[in-house]
Protein backbone atom coordinates (compact mmCIF):
# COMPACT_ATOMS: atom_id res chain seq x y z
CA UNK A 1 -14.54 -10.01 7.89
CA UNK A 2 -11.63 -12.40 7.47
CA UNK A 3 -9.41 -10.02 5.46
CA UNK A 4 -6.15 -9.42 7.34
CA UNK A 5 -6.03 -5.77 6.22
CA UNK A 6 -9.59 -5.16 7.45
CA UNK A 7 -8.49 -6.63 10.81
CA UNK A 8 -5.50 -4.28 10.88
CA UNK A 9 -7.80 -1.32 10.11
CA UNK A 10 -10.15 -2.44 12.92
CA UNK A 11 -7.22 -2.64 15.35
CA UNK A 12 -7.59 -6.41 15.82
CA UNK A 13 -4.08 -7.01 14.47
CA UNK A 14 -1.23 -4.62 15.35
CA UNK A 15 0.72 -2.78 12.67
CA UNK A 16 3.61 -0.32 12.67
CA UNK A 17 1.58 2.61 11.35
CA UNK A 18 3.09 5.65 9.65
CA UNK A 19 -0.13 7.39 8.67
CA UNK A 20 -3.85 7.06 9.23
CA UNK A 21 -6.89 9.14 8.44
CA UNK A 22 -10.57 8.47 7.70
CA UNK A 23 -9.79 7.11 4.20
CA UNK A 24 -6.49 5.20 4.37
CA UNK A 25 -3.92 3.50 6.53
CA UNK A 26 -0.17 3.31 5.82
CA UNK A 27 2.04 0.87 7.70
CA UNK A 28 5.40 -0.85 7.36
CA UNK A 29 5.45 -4.26 5.64
CA UNK A 30 6.42 -7.07 8.03
CA UNK A 31 8.20 -8.85 5.15
CA UNK A 32 10.18 -5.86 3.83
CA UNK A 33 11.80 -6.22 0.42
CA UNK A 34 13.75 -2.94 0.68
CA UNK A 35 15.16 -0.78 3.50
CA UNK A 36 11.95 1.26 3.29
CA UNK A 37 8.83 -0.80 2.52
CA UNK A 38 5.38 0.25 3.54
CA UNK A 39 1.84 -0.36 2.37
CA UNK A 40 -0.94 2.12 1.77
CA UNK A 41 -4.44 0.65 1.91
CA UNK A 42 -7.90 2.14 1.63
CA UNK A 43 -10.10 1.63 4.67
CA UNK A 44 -12.96 0.70 2.37
CA UNK A 45 -12.64 -2.95 1.42
CA UNK A 46 -11.94 -3.07 -2.32
CA UNK A 47 -10.76 -6.51 -3.39
CA UNK A 48 -8.24 -5.45 -6.03
CA UNK A 49 -7.42 -2.95 -8.76
CA UNK A 50 -9.81 -4.96 -10.95
CA UNK A 51 -12.64 -3.65 -8.75
CA UNK A 52 -11.90 0.06 -9.35
CA UNK A 53 -14.97 1.87 -10.67
CA UNK A 54 -15.96 5.49 -11.27
CA UNK A 55 -17.60 5.40 -7.84
CA UNK A 56 -14.39 4.44 -5.94
CA UNK A 57 -11.51 5.46 -8.21
CA UNK A 58 -10.78 8.69 -6.35
CA UNK A 59 -9.14 6.63 -3.58
CA UNK A 60 -6.33 5.67 -5.97
CA UNK A 61 -5.44 9.34 -6.61
CA UNK A 62 -5.66 9.96 -2.86
CA UNK A 63 -3.25 7.07 -2.19
CA UNK A 64 -0.73 8.34 -4.76
CA UNK A 65 -0.89 11.84 -3.29
CA UNK A 66 -0.22 10.34 0.13
CA UNK A 67 2.68 8.28 -1.25
CA UNK A 68 4.31 11.48 -2.56
CA UNK A 69 3.76 13.22 0.80
CA UNK A 70 5.19 10.32 2.81
CA UNK A 71 8.15 10.00 0.43
CA UNK A 72 9.03 13.65 1.11
CA UNK A 73 8.62 13.18 4.87
CA UNK A 74 10.79 10.07 4.81
CA UNK A 75 13.41 11.84 2.66
CA UNK A 76 13.20 9.40 -0.24
CA UNK A 77 14.66 11.96 -2.63
CA UNK A 78 16.66 9.30 -4.48
CA UNK A 79 13.43 7.68 -5.64
CA UNK A 80 10.89 5.08 -4.73
CA UNK A 81 8.70 2.47 -6.41
CA UNK A 82 4.93 2.01 -6.02
CA UNK A 83 3.68 -1.52 -6.75
CA UNK A 84 0.17 -2.93 -6.99
CA UNK A 85 -0.36 -6.61 -7.54
CA UNK A 86 -3.74 -7.59 -8.99
CA UNK A 87 -5.11 -11.11 -8.86
CA UNK A 88 -3.39 -14.44 -8.30
CA UNK A 89 -1.29 -14.33 -11.47
CA UNK A 90 -0.36 -10.72 -10.70
CA UNK A 91 1.09 -11.82 -7.34
CA UNK A 92 -1.68 -10.48 -5.09
CA UNK A 93 -1.69 -12.42 -1.81
CA UNK A 94 -4.13 -10.30 0.22
CA UNK A 95 -7.53 -9.66 -1.38
CA UNK A 96 -7.71 -6.01 -0.34
CA UNK A 97 -6.47 -3.23 -2.61
CA UNK A 98 -3.03 -2.12 -1.48
CA UNK A 99 0.03 -0.36 -2.79
CA UNK A 100 3.61 -1.19 -1.77
CA UNK A 101 6.03 1.74 -1.53
CA UNK A 102 9.65 0.58 -1.71
CA UNK A 103 12.85 2.66 -1.42
CA UNK A 104 16.28 2.88 0.13
CA UNK A 105 18.19 0.86 -2.47
CA UNK A 106 18.56 0.56 -6.22
CA UNK A 107 15.49 -1.35 -7.38
CA UNK A 108 16.17 -3.54 -10.41
CA UNK A 109 13.78 -4.13 -13.30
CA UNK A 110 12.22 -6.52 -13.85
CA UNK A 111 11.72 -7.19 -10.14
CA UNK A 112 12.90 -10.56 -8.94
């Protein structure tokens, strides 16, 4: 598969991992937009949030539970943001469901 995240999951491309289990992988973003910026991705290839169905939606809850756990471990008590971009107009650049977790500075709204 040509998806960069599938290649990272397969170990073909290195990543600075913070967590991995049979369902998900979390790793630091190489183009960080905040002092703390990591991604959480499902190991199952799901193209985007537009592809969430009753059969695969439990992975989203699992990812949010992991985000809360990692935020505690990383001492992000001042807050963090979880972002999902969906589709070209939504800013999605990798066609594999993923969630950005950003923290470590005041995050403005709307994002710039």
